[in-house]
Amino acid sequence: MSTPSSSPTPMSYKNTPNRSMSVRGVTFAYRQLGPDDGVPLIPLNHLSAVLDNWDPRVVDGLAARRPVIIFDNRGVGASGGSTYAPRELACNTRISPTSSSSALSRTARAGREDRCA
């Protein structure tokens, strides 16, 4: 007869509780699992997807080796705020100063300055 193991069972994504945090007045819902150390993996979901759209088997596999943070986008699911209109999203996009040599980056910055001032 075998005895039950005393080591804790790893938490599965389907049993991971939702958490929330506020960023600039908007509350974001997220789930975090995996080891406490290492660089976290933050996967992006499709348009209007929520925390429960993720397959627990996939997330559990990713979280076996590194921290994983899954979140609801702004205005979607359990997160607060409202979704951005395309123009708002473009105006809130940050362009890295290290990529200023590319023509695309210069064009994006110029267009942003014209429309978002």
N, C-alpha and C. Protein backbone atom coordinates (compact mmCIF):
# COMPACT_ATOMS: atom_id res chain seq x y z
N MET A 1 0.85 -1.17 0.00
CA MET A 1 0.00 0.00 0.00
C MET A 1 0.89 1.24 0.00
N SER A 2 0.57 2.21 -0.83
CA SER A 2 1.39 3.42 -0.90
C SER A 2 0.79 4.51 -0.02
N THR A 3 1.65 5.37 0.44
CA THR A 3 1.20 6.49 1.27
C THR A 3 1.17 7.74 0.43
N PRO A 4 0.26 8.64 0.70
CA PRO A 4 0.20 9.88 -0.08
C PRO A 4 1.48 10.70 0.09
N SER A 5 1.86 11.34 -0.96
CA SER A 5 3.05 12.19 -0.93
C SER A 5 2.79 13.44 -0.11
N SER A 6 3.79 13.86 0.64
CA SER A 6 3.62 15.07 1.44
C SER A 6 4.00 16.33 0.67
N SER A 7 4.57 16.17 -0.54
CA SER A 7 4.94 17.35 -1.31
C SER A 7 3.68 17.98 -1.91
N PRO A 8 3.65 19.33 -1.98
CA PRO A 8 2.45 19.99 -2.47
C PRO A 8 2.24 19.73 -3.96
N THR A 9 0.99 19.61 -4.33
CA THR A 9 0.65 19.44 -5.74
C THR A 9 0.79 20.79 -6.43
N PRO A 10 1.46 20.82 -7.59
CA PRO A 10 1.59 22.09 -8.28
C PRO A 10 0.21 22.66 -8.63
N MET A 11 0.06 23.96 -8.52
CA MET A 11 -1.21 24.60 -8.81
C MET A 11 -1.44 24.59 -10.32
N SER A 12 -2.64 24.27 -10.72
CA SER A 12 -3.02 24.29 -12.12
C SER A 12 -3.64 25.64 -12.45
N TYR A 13 -3.56 26.02 -13.71
CA TYR A 13 -4.14 27.28 -14.15
C TYR A 13 -5.63 27.34 -13.84
N LYS A 14 -6.32 26.21 -13.99
CA LYS A 14 -7.77 26.22 -13.76
C LYS A 14 -8.12 26.45 -12.29
N ASN A 15 -7.18 26.22 -11.38
CA ASN A 15 -7.42 26.45 -9.95
C ASN A 15 -6.72 27.69 -9.41
N THR A 16 -6.01 28.40 -10.27
CA THR A 16 -5.29 29.59 -9.84
C THR A 16 -6.28 30.74 -9.64
N PRO A 17 -6.26 31.38 -8.49
CA PRO A 17 -7.22 32.47 -8.25
C PRO A 17 -6.89 33.72 -9.07
N ASN A 18 -7.93 34.45 -9.41
CA ASN A 18 -7.74 35.73 -10.07
C ASN A 18 -7.17 36.73 -9.07
N ARG A 19 -6.31 37.60 -9.56
CA ARG A 19 -5.78 38.71 -8.77
C ARG A 19 -6.08 39.98 -9.54
N SER A 20 -5.83 41.11 -8.92
CA SER A 20 -6.00 42.37 -9.65
C SER A 20 -4.96 43.38 -9.18
N MET A 21 -4.67 44.31 -10.06
CA MET A 21 -3.78 45.42 -9.73
C MET A 21 -4.26 46.64 -10.49
N SER A 22 -3.98 47.81 -9.93
CA SER A 22 -4.41 49.06 -10.54
C SER A 22 -3.21 49.75 -11.18
N VAL A 23 -3.38 50.16 -12.43
CA VAL A 23 -2.35 50.88 -13.16
C VAL A 23 -2.98 52.13 -13.74
N ARG A 24 -2.52 53.30 -13.30
CA ARG A 24 -3.06 54.58 -13.77
C ARG A 24 -4.58 54.63 -13.67
N GLY A 25 -5.11 54.13 -12.55
CA GLY A 25 -6.54 54.20 -12.30
C GLY A 25 -7.37 53.12 -12.95
N VAL A 26 -6.76 52.19 -13.66
CA VAL A 26 -7.49 51.10 -14.30
C VAL A 26 -7.11 49.80 -13.61
N THR A 27 -8.11 49.02 -13.22
CA THR A 27 -7.87 47.74 -12.55
C THR A 27 -7.76 46.64 -13.60
N PHE A 28 -6.65 45.88 -13.53
CA PHE A 28 -6.42 44.77 -14.44
C PHE A 28 -6.52 43.45 -13.68
N ALA A 29 -7.26 42.49 -14.24
CA ALA A 29 -7.36 41.15 -13.66
C ALA A 29 -6.27 40.29 -14.28
N TYR A 30 -5.67 39.43 -13.44
CA TYR A 30 -4.62 38.54 -13.96
C TYR A 30 -4.52 37.29 -13.10
N ARG A 31 -3.83 36.30 -13.62
CA ARG A 31 -3.48 35.09 -12.88
C ARG A 31 -1.98 34.88 -13.06
N GLN A 32 -1.35 34.49 -11.98
CA GLN A 32 0.10 34.26 -12.00
C GLN A 32 0.39 32.90 -11.40
N LEU A 33 1.19 32.11 -12.10
CA LEU A 33 1.60 30.83 -11.57
C LEU A 33 2.97 30.46 -12.09
N GLY A 34 3.51 29.40 -11.56
CA GLY A 34 4.86 28.98 -11.91
C GLY A 34 5.83 29.36 -10.81
N PRO A 35 7.12 29.14 -11.04
CA PRO A 35 8.12 29.46 -10.02
C PRO A 35 8.15 30.95 -9.71
N ASP A 36 8.66 31.29 -8.53
CA ASP A 36 8.76 32.69 -8.12
C ASP A 36 9.96 33.40 -8.74
N ASP A 37 10.91 32.65 -9.24
CA ASP A 37 12.11 33.27 -9.81
C ASP A 37 12.14 33.06 -11.32
N GLY A 38 12.92 33.89 -11.98
CA GLY A 38 13.02 33.81 -13.44
C GLY A 38 12.27 34.94 -14.11
N VAL A 39 12.49 35.06 -15.39
CA VAL A 39 11.83 36.10 -16.19
C VAL A 39 10.43 35.62 -16.53
N PRO A 40 9.40 36.38 -16.17
CA PRO A 40 8.04 35.92 -16.44
C PRO A 40 7.69 35.95 -17.92
N LEU A 41 6.87 35.02 -18.31
CA LEU A 41 6.31 34.97 -19.65
C LEU A 41 4.92 35.59 -19.57
N ILE A 42 4.66 36.59 -20.41
CA ILE A 42 3.36 37.26 -20.41
C ILE A 42 2.76 37.12 -21.81
N PRO A 43 2.02 36.03 -22.04
CA PRO A 43 1.44 35.81 -23.37
C PRO A 43 0.30 36.78 -23.65
N LEU A 44 0.12 37.11 -24.91
CA LEU A 44 -0.97 37.99 -25.33
C LEU A 44 -2.11 37.14 -25.88
N ASN A 45 -3.32 37.54 -25.59
CA ASN A 45 -4.50 36.81 -26.03
C ASN A 45 -5.13 37.51 -27.22
N HIS A 46 -6.07 36.86 -27.85
CA HIS A 46 -6.74 37.44 -29.01
C HIS A 46 -7.77 38.48 -28.57
N LEU A 47 -8.25 39.25 -29.51
CA LEU A 47 -9.20 40.32 -29.25
C LEU A 47 -10.41 39.82 -28.46
N SER A 48 -10.73 40.48 -27.43
CA SER A 48 -11.87 40.24 -26.53
C SER A 48 -11.80 38.91 -25.78
N ALA A 49 -10.65 38.27 -25.74
CA ALA A 49 -10.50 37.03 -24.99
C ALA A 49 -10.33 37.35 -23.51
N VAL A 50 -10.74 36.42 -22.66
CA VAL A 50 -10.65 36.60 -21.22
C VAL A 50 -9.77 35.51 -20.61
N LEU A 51 -9.53 35.62 -19.32
CA LEU A 51 -8.66 34.67 -18.63
C LEU A 51 -9.06 33.22 -18.88
N ASP A 52 -10.34 32.93 -18.93
CA ASP A 52 -10.79 31.55 -19.07
C ASP A 52 -10.67 31.00 -20.49
N ASN A 53 -10.25 31.82 -21.45
CA ASN A 53 -10.04 31.32 -22.80
C ASN A 53 -8.74 30.52 -22.95
N TRP A 54 -7.85 30.66 -22.01
CA TRP A 54 -6.58 29.94 -22.08
C TRP A 54 -6.77 28.48 -21.70
N ASP A 55 -6.13 27.59 -22.44
CA ASP A 55 -6.17 26.16 -22.15
C ASP A 55 -5.25 25.88 -20.96
N PRO A 56 -5.80 25.38 -19.85
CA PRO A 56 -4.97 25.13 -18.68
C PRO A 56 -3.78 24.21 -18.96
N ARG A 57 -3.93 23.26 -19.87
CA ARG A 57 -2.82 22.35 -20.18
C ARG A 57 -1.65 23.10 -20.80
N VAL A 58 -1.95 24.09 -21.63
CA VAL A 58 -0.88 24.88 -22.25
C VAL A 58 -0.19 25.76 -21.20
N VAL A 59 -1.00 26.47 -20.41
CA VAL A 59 -0.43 27.36 -19.38
C VAL A 59 0.35 26.56 -18.35
N ASP A 60 -0.19 25.41 -17.92
CA ASP A 60 0.52 24.58 -16.95
C ASP A 60 1.87 24.13 -17.50
N GLY A 61 1.91 23.78 -18.78
CA GLY A 61 3.17 23.38 -19.40
C GLY A 61 4.18 24.51 -19.42
N LEU A 62 3.72 25.71 -19.74
CA LEU A 62 4.61 26.88 -19.74
C LEU A 62 5.09 27.21 -18.34
N ALA A 63 4.18 27.09 -17.36
CA ALA A 63 4.49 27.47 -15.97
C ALA A 63 5.33 26.42 -15.25
N ALA A 64 5.57 25.29 -15.87
CA ALA A 64 6.39 24.27 -15.22
C ALA A 64 7.84 24.73 -15.07
N ARG A 65 8.27 25.64 -15.94
CA ARG A 65 9.68 26.07 -15.94
C ARG A 65 9.91 27.54 -15.67
N ARG A 66 8.88 28.34 -15.77
CA ARG A 66 9.06 29.79 -15.59
C ARG A 66 7.78 30.42 -15.09
N PRO A 67 7.87 31.61 -14.50
CA PRO A 67 6.64 32.31 -14.08
C PRO A 67 5.81 32.70 -15.30
N VAL A 68 4.51 32.59 -15.18
CA VAL A 68 3.60 32.96 -16.27
C VAL A 68 2.54 33.89 -15.68
N ILE A 69 2.28 34.98 -16.39
CA ILE A 69 1.25 35.94 -15.99
C ILE A 69 0.28 36.10 -17.16
N ILE A 70 -0.97 35.74 -16.94
CA ILE A 70 -2.02 35.87 -17.95
C ILE A 70 -2.94 36.99 -17.48
N PHE A 71 -3.35 37.88 -18.37
CA PHE A 71 -4.16 39.01 -17.94
C PHE A 71 -5.31 39.28 -18.90
N ASP A 72 -6.33 39.94 -18.38
CA ASP A 72 -7.43 40.46 -19.20
C ASP A 72 -7.03 41.86 -19.66
N ASN A 73 -7.17 42.12 -20.94
CA ASN A 73 -6.87 43.45 -21.46
C ASN A 73 -7.80 44.50 -20.87
N ARG A 74 -7.42 45.74 -21.01
CA ARG A 74 -8.22 46.87 -20.53
C ARG A 74 -9.61 46.83 -21.15
N GLY A 75 -10.63 46.90 -20.28
CA GLY A 75 -12.00 46.93 -20.76
C GLY A 75 -12.56 45.57 -21.17
N VAL A 76 -11.82 44.50 -20.89
CA VAL A 76 -12.24 43.15 -21.31
C VAL A 76 -12.28 42.25 -20.08
N GLY A 77 -13.29 41.40 -20.00
CA GLY A 77 -13.38 40.44 -18.91
C GLY A 77 -13.51 41.13 -17.56
N ALA A 78 -12.67 40.72 -16.62
CA ALA A 78 -12.73 41.27 -15.27
C ALA A 78 -11.90 42.54 -15.10
N SER A 79 -11.21 42.99 -16.16
CA SER A 79 -10.44 44.23 -16.07
C SER A 79 -11.34 45.44 -16.25
N GLY A 80 -10.98 46.54 -15.62
CA GLY A 80 -11.77 47.76 -15.69
C GLY A 80 -11.40 48.61 -16.88
N GLY A 81 -11.94 49.79 -16.87
CA GLY A 81 -11.67 50.74 -17.94
C GLY A 81 -12.46 50.40 -19.19
N SER A 82 -12.11 51.04 -20.26
CA SER A 82 -12.76 50.76 -21.54
C SER A 82 -11.67 50.48 -22.56
N THR A 83 -12.04 49.77 -23.60
CA THR A 83 -11.07 49.47 -24.65
C THR A 83 -10.70 50.75 -25.37
N TYR A 84 -9.52 50.77 -25.92
CA TYR A 84 -9.07 51.93 -26.67
C TYR A 84 -9.68 51.94 -28.06
N ALA A 85 -10.02 53.14 -28.55
CA ALA A 85 -10.33 53.32 -29.96
C ALA A 85 -8.99 53.26 -30.70
N PRO A 86 -8.97 52.91 -31.97
CA PRO A 86 -7.69 52.79 -32.70
C PRO A 86 -6.81 54.03 -32.58
N ARG A 87 -7.39 55.22 -32.65
CA ARG A 87 -6.58 56.44 -32.56
C ARG A 87 -5.97 56.57 -31.16
N GLU A 88 -6.76 56.29 -30.12
CA GLU A 88 -6.25 56.34 -28.75
C GLU A 88 -5.09 55.37 -28.57
N LEU A 89 -5.26 54.16 -29.11
CA LEU A 89 -4.22 53.15 -28.99
C LEU A 89 -2.94 53.63 -29.67
N ALA A 90 -3.06 54.21 -30.84
CA ALA A 90 -1.89 54.72 -31.55
C ALA A 90 -1.22 55.85 -30.77
N CYS A 91 -1.99 56.71 -30.18
CA CYS A 91 -1.43 57.83 -29.43
C CYS A 91 -0.80 57.40 -28.12
N ASN A 92 -1.24 56.27 -27.57
CA ASN A 92 -0.68 55.77 -26.32
C ASN A 92 0.47 54.78 -26.52
N THR A 93 0.81 54.50 -27.77
CA THR A 93 1.90 53.58 -28.06
C THR A 93 3.22 54.31 -27.87
N ARG A 94 4.12 53.68 -27.19
CA ARG A 94 5.44 54.26 -26.96
C ARG A 94 6.41 53.73 -27.98
N ILE A 95 7.19 54.60 -28.59
CA ILE A 95 8.21 54.22 -29.55
C ILE A 95 9.55 54.27 -28.85
N SER A 96 10.33 53.21 -29.01
CA SER A 96 11.62 53.14 -28.34
C SER A 96 12.60 54.13 -28.97
N PRO A 97 13.29 54.93 -28.15
CA PRO A 97 14.26 55.88 -28.70
C PRO A 97 15.44 55.18 -29.36
N THR A 98 15.69 53.92 -29.01
CA THR A 98 16.83 53.22 -29.61
C THR A 98 16.55 52.79 -31.03
N SER A 99 15.28 52.82 -31.45
CA SER A 99 14.96 52.40 -32.82
C SER A 99 14.75 53.60 -33.73
N SER A 100 15.27 54.77 -33.36
CA SER A 100 15.00 55.99 -34.11
C SER A 100 15.66 56.02 -35.48
N SER A 101 16.57 55.11 -35.76
CA SER A 101 17.24 55.13 -37.05
C SER A 101 16.38 54.53 -38.15
N SER A 102 15.37 53.77 -37.80
CA SER A 102 14.56 53.13 -38.85
C SER A 102 13.55 54.12 -39.42
N ALA A 103 13.29 53.98 -40.70
CA ALA A 103 12.33 54.86 -41.37
C ALA A 103 10.94 54.67 -40.79
N LEU A 104 10.59 53.44 -40.45
CA LEU A 104 9.28 53.18 -39.89
C LEU A 104 9.10 53.92 -38.57
N SER A 105 10.12 53.89 -37.73
CA SER A 105 10.04 54.56 -36.44
C SER A 105 9.90 56.07 -36.63
N ARG A 106 10.67 56.66 -37.55
CA ARG A 106 10.58 58.11 -37.78
C ARG A 106 9.19 58.48 -38.28
N THR A 107 8.64 57.64 -39.17
CA THR A 107 7.30 57.90 -39.70
C THR A 107 6.27 57.79 -38.60
N ALA A 108 6.38 56.77 -37.76
CA ALA A 108 5.42 56.57 -36.67
C ALA A 108 5.47 57.74 -35.70
N ARG A 109 6.69 58.21 -35.36
CA ARG A 109 6.80 59.33 -34.44
C ARG A 109 6.20 60.59 -35.03
N ALA A 110 6.50 60.85 -36.30
CA ALA A 110 5.99 62.06 -36.94
C ALA A 110 4.46 62.04 -36.98
N GLY A 111 3.88 60.89 -37.35
CA GLY A 111 2.43 60.78 -37.41
C GLY A 111 1.80 60.93 -36.05
N ARG A 112 2.43 60.39 -35.05
CA ARG A 112 1.91 60.47 -33.67
C ARG A 112 1.91 61.91 -33.20
N GLU A 113 2.98 62.63 -33.50
CA GLU A 113 3.08 64.03 -33.06
C GLU A 113 2.01 64.87 -33.73
N ASP A 114 1.70 64.59 -35.02
CA ASP A 114 0.70 65.36 -35.75
C ASP A 114 -0.72 65.12 -35.24
N ARG A 115 -1.03 63.87 -34.93
CA ARG A 115 -2.41 63.53 -34.57
C ARG A 115 -2.71 63.55 -33.09
N CYS A 116 -1.70 63.48 -32.25
CA CYS A 116 -1.95 63.28 -30.82
C CYS A 116 -1.61 64.48 -29.96
N ALA A 117 -1.27 65.56 -30.56
CA ALA A 117 -0.87 66.73 -29.77
C ALA A 117 -2.04 67.35 -29.06
